[in-house]
Amino acid sequence: MNTEPEPHVVFARFTGKTILGEMGRLLYSILNIFTTNGYQVKLFNNINFGELDKYGQLVPSIGNLQLIDTVPDDSSHMFFLYDREDKSCSDRKWKKKMQVKFDVFSTYRITDPLIMPYPVHPLLSGADLPVRLEKLRKNEKKLRIFFSGDTSGYTKNRIHYPNTKLPRLEVIETILEQLGDKTIHVKNEIVLKRLFDGDFIKSCVIVDTSRLWIDPADWLPDLSKTDFFICPPGYSMPMCHNVIEAMAVGAVPVINYPEWFTPTLRHMEDCIVFGDRKDLVRKIEAVLDMGQQEVSEMRHRVIDYYENNLCPGKFIRDIEAREEDSITVLMITDENTIKNASRLNGKSILIRGKPTLANSRWHKFFRAFRA
């Protein structure tokens, strides 16, 4: 009698263009999340990887991924991952079907989609990521507040629900202009290289990567040596890889889009939430004055949040736990945000059911009651 366990296999076939966008990061991320969690991925070989950007070109090298030219004869034990309906595949018997979609601003009142957690950058991912993170979380903290990222061109804001977001450039300029000697603006390689050898536990350190570049190999180790990381919005949408990476190593995010997370991030619990320019300055000053015990407690809650909601294994467990055999998987993308930002509201699947200032009738009542 054959007692070998049934293999965990995903057959993936994509025919749309959206999944190939964002320099190939979307395709890489959705496949990588399965392979790094014990699944063998059989990817239908209908994609011209030579036409994809640099991260898409990494897909064939993903471990435990095989390019195949035909649809498997026996698919009953496989998951089917796809973007567009194809009767030649969808009419077959599958263990579970997962359709990838991208519109997180729609309501989805009939179906109950899963939003794939926004991942770490492809260059930082891999099967050994959990081991690396566990080690990095033990690093000694050298900085109280840190920001490193490009600011060139980050001047637009497309999101106005539940409140208008300060663009990244305005966030960083506000800090540099109004916090004076409490900030350290790193402008040369010499200071950058010495940054984590010193002790800037009472400072807010700003590195503009449009001028200075931190090697990807150093990025997570550097993040792990800071208590808080400033996470202003990205170029096209609020969500960025850097907030996920910060939380993964235990750096508390200073953020103005907590409602984009499921469940929403909570101020003074697992993040610091800021609003306008004045509020941003107040929050940064409060963090600089925060006691070490409070900082340590927040760090542990951030790590717990990552492990319970953002790590790749959580998403896979959610899929496996679904009783239905057909699931919609939603990915947060630049393209959808650019096209549909004005549609975001309290009924959108991204926000629905979360206690934001705009969609909770009880919020004002309880705030008045506690005042």
Protein backbone atom coordinates (compact mmCIF):
# COMPACT_ATOMS: atom_id res chain seq x y z
CA MET A 1 0.00 0.00 0.00
CA ASN A 2 1.37 3.43 -0.98
CA THR A 3 1.65 5.63 2.12
CA GLU A 4 3.52 8.49 0.48
CA PRO A 5 1.89 11.85 1.31
CA GLU A 6 0.07 13.55 -1.52
CA PRO A 7 2.35 16.20 -3.03
CA HIS A 8 1.41 19.86 -2.67
CA VAL A 9 1.32 21.05 -6.25
CA VAL A 10 0.16 24.31 -7.86
CA PHE A 11 -0.41 24.49 -11.59
CA ALA A 12 -0.22 28.15 -12.65
CA ARG A 13 -1.33 29.57 -15.98
CA PHE A 14 -1.53 33.29 -16.66
CA THR A 15 -2.75 34.89 -19.87
CA GLY A 16 -3.33 38.52 -18.85
CA LYS A 17 -0.85 41.41 -18.81
CA THR A 18 -1.47 42.83 -15.34
CA ILE A 19 0.26 39.95 -13.54
CA LEU A 20 3.37 40.65 -15.61
CA GLY A 21 3.57 44.30 -14.56
CA GLU A 22 5.51 46.17 -11.90
CA MET A 23 8.85 44.94 -13.26
CA GLY A 24 7.66 41.35 -12.83
CA ARG A 25 7.26 41.68 -9.06
CA LEU A 26 3.64 40.52 -9.05
CA LEU A 27 4.33 37.29 -10.91
CA TYR A 28 7.41 36.59 -8.83
CA SER A 29 5.65 37.26 -5.52
CA ILE A 30 2.56 35.10 -6.10
CA LEU A 31 4.65 32.12 -7.22
CA ASN A 32 7.33 32.58 -4.59
CA ILE A 33 4.79 32.60 -1.78
CA PHE A 34 3.81 29.02 -2.69
CA THR A 35 7.28 27.62 -3.36
CA THR A 36 8.69 28.95 -0.09
CA ASN A 37 5.86 27.24 1.79
CA GLY A 38 6.40 23.70 0.57
CA TYR A 39 4.51 23.70 -2.73
CA GLN A 40 5.83 22.59 -6.07
CA VAL A 41 4.74 25.06 -8.74
CA LYS A 42 4.24 23.94 -12.33
CA LEU A 43 4.10 27.11 -14.41
CA PHE A 44 2.64 26.89 -17.91
CA ASN A 45 5.37 28.00 -20.29
CA ASN A 46 3.47 30.65 -22.26
CA ILE A 47 5.37 33.67 -20.89
CA ASN A 48 8.22 35.34 -22.76
CA PHE A 49 10.52 36.04 -19.83
CA GLY A 50 12.92 37.90 -22.09
CA GLU A 51 10.30 40.62 -22.47
CA LEU A 52 9.77 40.98 -18.72
CA ASP A 53 11.67 43.37 -16.50
CA LYS A 54 14.37 42.25 -14.08
CA TYR A 55 12.20 40.72 -11.35
CA GLY A 56 10.07 38.79 -13.80
CA GLN A 57 13.24 37.34 -15.28
CA LEU A 58 14.00 35.83 -11.87
CA VAL A 59 10.89 33.62 -12.01
CA PRO A 60 12.46 30.61 -13.81
CA SER A 61 15.15 30.47 -11.10
CA ILE A 62 12.64 30.21 -8.23
CA GLY A 63 13.33 27.04 -6.28
CA ASN A 64 10.76 24.25 -6.61
CA LEU A 65 9.32 25.80 -9.78
CA GLN A 66 9.08 23.91 -13.07
CA LEU A 67 8.15 25.29 -16.49
CA ILE A 68 5.86 22.90 -18.38
CA ASP A 69 4.40 22.99 -21.90
CA THR A 70 1.19 21.00 -21.37
CA VAL A 71 -1.67 20.99 -18.91
CA PRO A 72 -1.27 18.03 -16.51
CA ASP A 73 -3.50 15.02 -17.30
CA ASP A 74 -4.30 14.36 -13.65
CA SER A 75 -5.11 17.63 -11.90
CA SER A 76 -7.40 16.38 -9.14
CA HIS A 77 -4.69 16.75 -6.46
CA MET A 78 -3.47 20.16 -7.68
CA PHE A 79 -4.32 23.77 -6.95
CA PHE A 80 -5.04 25.79 -10.09
CA LEU A 81 -3.72 29.37 -10.04
CA TYR A 82 -4.82 31.65 -12.87
CA ASP A 83 -5.91 35.15 -13.81
CA ARG A 84 -8.37 34.67 -16.70
CA GLU A 85 -10.98 31.96 -17.18
CA ASP A 86 -9.94 29.27 -19.65
CA LYS A 87 -12.40 26.42 -20.17
CA SER A 88 -9.65 24.03 -21.23
CA CYS A 89 -8.35 24.34 -17.67
CA SER A 90 -11.23 25.57 -15.52
CA ASP A 91 -13.53 22.69 -16.54
CA ARG A 92 -11.05 20.14 -15.23
CA LYS A 93 -11.21 18.72 -11.74
CA TRP A 94 -8.92 20.58 -9.34
CA LYS A 95 -8.36 20.31 -5.62
CA LYS A 96 -8.86 24.08 -5.43
CA LYS A 97 -9.04 26.93 -7.95
CA MET A 98 -7.54 30.33 -7.16
CA GLN A 99 -8.23 33.24 -9.49
CA VAL A 100 -5.91 36.21 -9.14
CA LYS A 101 -7.56 39.63 -9.42
CA PHE A 102 -6.39 43.13 -8.62
CA ASP A 103 -9.30 45.47 -7.83
CA VAL A 104 -9.13 45.87 -4.06
CA PHE A 105 -11.42 48.92 -4.30
CA SER A 106 -14.51 46.92 -5.31
CA THR A 107 -17.06 45.67 -2.78
CA TYR A 108 -17.18 41.93 -3.56
CA ARG A 109 -20.48 41.53 -1.78
CA ILE A 110 -21.17 38.07 -3.18
CA THR A 111 -17.72 36.51 -2.98
CA ASP A 112 -15.29 36.57 -0.06
CA PRO A 113 -11.81 37.18 -1.52
CA LEU A 114 -8.47 36.81 0.21
CA ILE A 115 -6.15 39.79 -0.04
CA MET A 116 -2.61 38.53 -0.45
CA PRO A 117 -0.38 40.25 2.12
CA TYR A 118 1.97 42.72 0.49
CA PRO A 119 5.36 40.97 0.35
CA VAL A 120 8.95 41.88 1.01
CA HIS A 121 10.88 42.87 -2.11
CA PRO A 122 11.80 39.96 -4.44
CA LEU A 123 15.52 40.53 -3.82
CA LEU A 124 14.96 39.97 -0.09
CA SER A 125 12.65 36.96 -0.25
CA GLY A 126 13.47 33.27 -0.25
CA ALA A 127 12.86 30.06 1.64
CA ASP A 128 15.40 31.08 4.30
CA LEU A 129 13.66 34.37 5.09
CA PRO A 130 12.12 33.19 8.41
CA VAL A 131 15.54 32.06 9.66
CA ARG A 132 17.13 35.35 8.64
CA LEU A 133 14.38 37.36 10.32
CA GLU A 134 14.65 35.47 13.58
CA LYS A 135 18.35 36.26 13.74
CA LEU A 136 18.00 39.90 12.69
CA ARG A 137 15.35 40.64 15.33
CA LYS A 138 17.99 40.09 18.01
CA ASN A 139 20.28 42.86 16.73
CA GLU A 140 21.16 45.74 19.03
CA LYS A 141 19.27 48.92 18.21
CA LYS A 142 21.38 51.87 17.07
CA LEU A 143 18.76 54.33 15.77
CA ARG A 144 15.51 55.53 17.31
CA ILE A 145 13.87 56.64 14.02
CA PHE A 146 15.08 55.88 10.51
CA PHE A 147 14.03 56.58 6.95
CA SER A 148 15.78 55.42 3.82
CA GLY A 149 14.17 55.69 0.43
CA ASP A 150 13.87 57.64 -2.79
CA THR A 151 11.99 60.94 -2.59
CA SER A 152 12.54 62.22 -6.12
CA GLY A 153 9.12 62.64 -7.80
CA TYR A 154 7.16 61.40 -4.76
CA THR A 155 4.92 64.47 -4.76
CA LYS A 156 1.49 63.09 -5.68
CA ASN A 157 -1.31 61.83 -3.50
CA ARG A 158 -4.11 59.79 -5.05
CA ILE A 159 -5.77 58.55 -1.87
CA HIS A 160 -8.23 60.76 0.04
CA TYR A 161 -10.13 58.10 1.99
CA PRO A 162 -10.54 57.97 4.95
CA ASN A 163 -8.25 61.02 4.91
CA THR A 164 -5.81 62.70 2.56
CA LYS A 165 -2.30 61.28 2.72
CA LEU A 166 0.80 63.44 2.93
CA PRO A 167 3.04 62.47 -0.02
CA ARG A 168 6.45 61.03 0.75
CA LEU A 169 8.47 64.11 -0.25
CA GLU A 170 6.31 66.36 1.96
CA VAL A 171 6.72 63.98 4.89
CA ILE A 172 10.50 63.98 4.67
CA GLU A 173 10.77 67.72 3.99
CA THR A 174 8.54 68.45 7.00
CA ILE A 175 10.78 66.42 9.29
CA LEU A 176 13.97 68.03 8.01
CA GLU A 177 12.54 71.55 8.18
CA GLN A 178 10.79 71.42 11.55
CA LEU A 179 12.75 69.03 13.75
CA GLY A 180 16.07 70.83 13.48
CA ASP A 181 18.96 69.26 15.39
CA LYS A 182 16.84 66.24 16.24
CA THR A 183 17.42 65.02 12.69
CA ILE A 184 20.51 63.68 10.93
CA HIS A 185 20.38 64.08 7.16
CA VAL A 186 22.90 61.62 5.72
CA LYS A 187 24.41 63.08 2.55
CA ASN A 188 27.63 61.15 1.95
CA GLU A 189 28.95 57.59 1.89
CA ILE A 190 31.33 58.09 4.81
CA VAL A 191 28.53 58.98 7.24
CA LEU A 192 26.32 56.24 5.81
CA LYS A 193 28.95 53.55 6.39
CA ARG A 194 29.47 54.69 9.99
CA LEU A 195 25.80 55.17 10.73
CA PHE A 196 25.18 51.82 12.42
CA ASP A 197 28.46 51.81 14.28
CA GLY A 198 27.35 54.76 16.43
CA ASP A 199 24.44 55.44 18.74
CA PHE A 200 21.71 57.75 17.45
CA ILE A 201 19.00 56.50 19.76
CA LYS A 202 17.66 60.04 20.27
CA SER A 203 17.77 61.09 16.62
CA CYS A 204 15.70 60.84 13.46
CA VAL A 205 18.02 59.70 10.66
CA ILE A 206 17.11 60.42 7.03
CA VAL A 207 18.84 58.77 4.04
CA ASP A 208 17.64 59.84 0.59
CA THR A 209 18.45 56.96 -1.76
CA SER A 210 18.10 59.22 -4.79
CA ARG A 211 21.54 60.40 -3.58
CA LEU A 212 22.88 57.44 -1.61
CA TRP A 213 22.20 53.76 -2.18
CA ILE A 214 22.02 51.06 0.50
CA ASP A 215 23.01 47.67 -0.87
CA PRO A 216 20.08 45.17 -0.77
CA ALA A 217 22.31 42.78 1.20
CA ASP A 218 22.58 45.42 3.95
CA TRP A 219 18.96 46.56 3.92
CA LEU A 220 17.32 44.13 6.36
CA PRO A 221 20.33 44.16 8.74
CA ASP A 222 20.21 47.98 8.78
CA LEU A 223 16.45 48.02 9.37
CA SER A 224 16.82 45.57 12.22
CA LYS A 225 19.02 48.05 14.11
CA THR A 226 16.34 50.73 14.32
CA ASP A 227 13.41 51.11 16.71
CA PHE A 228 11.06 52.95 14.33
CA PHE A 229 10.94 53.30 10.55
CA ILE A 230 9.16 56.14 8.75
CA CYS A 231 6.85 54.62 6.12
CA PRO A 232 5.37 57.39 3.98
CA PRO A 233 3.35 56.48 0.87
CA GLY A 234 4.91 55.08 -2.27
CA TYR A 235 4.96 56.63 -5.72
CA SER A 236 1.60 55.39 -7.05
CA MET A 237 -0.08 54.05 -3.92
CA PRO A 238 0.44 54.12 -0.16
CA MET A 239 1.58 50.50 0.24
CA CYS A 240 5.31 49.85 -0.06
CA HIS A 241 7.69 46.95 0.44
CA ASN A 242 9.58 48.94 3.07
CA VAL A 243 6.79 48.88 5.67
CA ILE A 244 6.53 45.09 5.39
CA GLU A 245 10.30 44.71 5.66
CA ALA A 246 10.44 47.04 8.66
CA MET A 247 7.75 45.11 10.52
CA ALA A 248 9.37 41.80 9.60
CA VAL A 249 12.51 42.71 11.56
CA GLY A 250 10.60 44.43 14.37
CA ALA A 251 10.94 48.11 13.44
CA VAL A 252 7.73 49.94 14.39
CA PRO A 253 6.22 51.73 11.35
CA VAL A 254 5.45 55.45 11.50
CA ILE A 255 2.67 55.48 8.95
CA ASN A 256 -0.30 57.38 7.52
CA TYR A 257 -2.16 54.48 5.85
CA PRO A 258 -2.82 51.93 8.65
CA GLU A 259 -6.23 51.00 7.16
CA TRP A 260 -4.53 49.38 4.15
CA PHE A 261 -3.57 46.48 6.41
CA THR A 262 -5.84 43.61 7.41
CA PRO A 263 -6.48 43.90 10.30
CA THR A 264 -5.83 47.63 10.43
CA LEU A 265 -2.71 48.73 12.29
CA ARG A 266 -3.36 50.39 15.65
CA HIS A 267 -1.74 53.58 16.88
CA MET A 268 0.57 53.03 19.87
CA GLU A 269 -0.03 49.29 19.62
CA ASP A 270 1.77 48.13 16.47
CA CYS A 271 2.45 51.45 14.72
CA ILE A 272 2.56 55.21 15.09
CA VAL A 273 -0.14 56.89 12.98
CA PHE A 274 0.27 60.46 11.74
CA GLY A 275 -2.05 62.75 9.80
CA ASP A 276 -1.12 66.26 8.65
CA ARG A 277 2.25 68.05 8.93
CA LYS A 278 1.70 69.27 12.49
CA ASP A 279 0.61 65.85 13.66
CA LEU A 280 3.63 64.25 12.00
CA VAL A 281 6.00 66.52 13.93
CA ARG A 282 4.18 65.83 17.20
CA LYS A 283 4.37 62.07 16.65
CA ILE A 284 8.08 62.12 15.77
CA GLU A 285 8.87 64.17 18.89
CA ALA A 286 6.81 61.78 21.03
CA VAL A 287 8.71 58.79 19.65
CA LEU A 288 12.07 60.45 20.37
CA ASP A 289 10.97 60.91 24.00
CA MET A 290 9.52 57.42 24.40
CA GLY A 291 10.88 55.14 27.13
CA GLN A 292 12.77 52.00 26.18
CA GLN A 293 10.29 49.65 27.87
CA GLU A 294 7.41 51.06 25.84
CA VAL A 295 9.47 50.81 22.66
CA SER A 296 10.35 47.19 23.41
CA GLU A 297 6.71 46.27 24.00
CA MET A 298 5.66 47.85 20.72
CA ARG A 299 8.45 45.99 18.91
CA HIS A 300 7.17 42.65 20.17
CA ARG A 301 3.62 43.51 19.07
CA VAL A 302 4.87 44.47 15.60
CA ILE A 303 6.67 41.15 15.23
CA ASP A 304 3.53 39.32 16.40
CA TYR A 305 1.48 41.25 13.85
CA TYR A 306 3.86 40.28 11.05
CA GLU A 307 3.86 36.61 12.00
CA ASN A 308 0.08 36.46 12.40
CA ASN A 309 -0.93 38.53 9.36
CA LEU A 310 1.86 39.30 6.90
CA CYS A 311 4.24 36.37 6.72
CA PRO A 312 3.87 34.17 3.60
CA GLY A 313 2.90 31.13 5.64
CA LYS A 314 -0.20 32.88 7.00
CA PHE A 315 -1.57 33.44 3.49
CA ILE A 316 -1.01 29.79 2.56
CA ARG A 317 -2.71 28.62 5.74
CA ASP A 318 -5.70 30.85 4.97
CA ILE A 319 -6.03 29.31 1.50
CA GLU A 320 -5.76 25.79 2.83
CA ALA A 321 -8.34 26.52 5.52
CA ARG A 322 -10.99 27.71 3.06
CA GLU A 323 -13.73 25.12 2.64
CA GLU A 324 -14.82 26.35 -0.80
CA ASP A 325 -13.00 24.95 -3.82
CA SER A 326 -12.89 28.27 -5.69
CA ILE A 327 -11.20 31.36 -4.21
CA THR A 328 -10.54 34.88 -5.44
CA VAL A 329 -7.07 36.11 -4.49
CA LEU A 330 -6.54 39.88 -4.62
CA MET A 331 -3.17 41.55 -5.09
CA ILE A 332 -2.56 45.21 -4.22
CA THR A 333 -1.09 46.93 -7.28
CA ASP A 334 0.06 50.32 -8.53
CA GLU A 335 -2.03 50.00 -11.69
CA ASN A 336 -5.31 49.45 -9.88
CA THR A 337 -4.64 52.33 -7.51
CA ILE A 338 -3.82 54.73 -10.34
CA LYS A 339 -7.01 53.80 -12.22
CA ASN A 340 -9.41 53.50 -9.31
CA ALA A 341 -8.17 55.60 -6.39
CA SER A 342 -11.31 57.78 -6.37
CA ARG A 343 -13.48 54.67 -5.89
CA LEU A 344 -11.96 53.76 -2.52
CA ASN A 345 -14.57 54.00 0.26
CA GLY A 346 -15.81 52.25 3.35
CA LYS A 347 -17.48 49.50 1.31
CA SER A 348 -14.29 48.55 -0.57
CA ILE A 349 -12.93 45.13 0.32
CA LEU A 350 -9.64 46.79 1.33
CA ILE A 351 -11.40 48.85 4.00
CA ARG A 352 -14.69 47.08 4.66
CA GLY A 353 -15.43 46.31 8.27
CA LYS A 354 -12.46 48.21 9.67
CA PRO A 355 -12.86 50.85 12.40
CA THR A 356 -11.62 53.91 10.49
CA LEU A 357 -12.56 57.48 11.37
CA ALA A 358 -14.72 57.73 8.27
CA ASN A 359 -16.74 54.53 8.38
CA SER A 360 -17.44 54.01 12.09
CA ARG A 361 -20.57 55.75 13.36
CA TRP A 362 -19.59 54.83 16.89
CA HIS A 363 -16.12 56.34 16.80
CA LYS A 364 -17.23 59.92 17.52
CA PHE A 365 -19.56 58.74 20.26
CA PHE A 366 -16.89 56.79 22.12
CA ARG A 367 -14.30 59.55 21.68
CA ALA A 368 -16.74 62.10 23.13
CA PHE A 369 -17.64 59.71 25.95
CA ARG A 370 -13.99 59.24 26.92
CA ALA A 371 -13.12 62.96 26.68
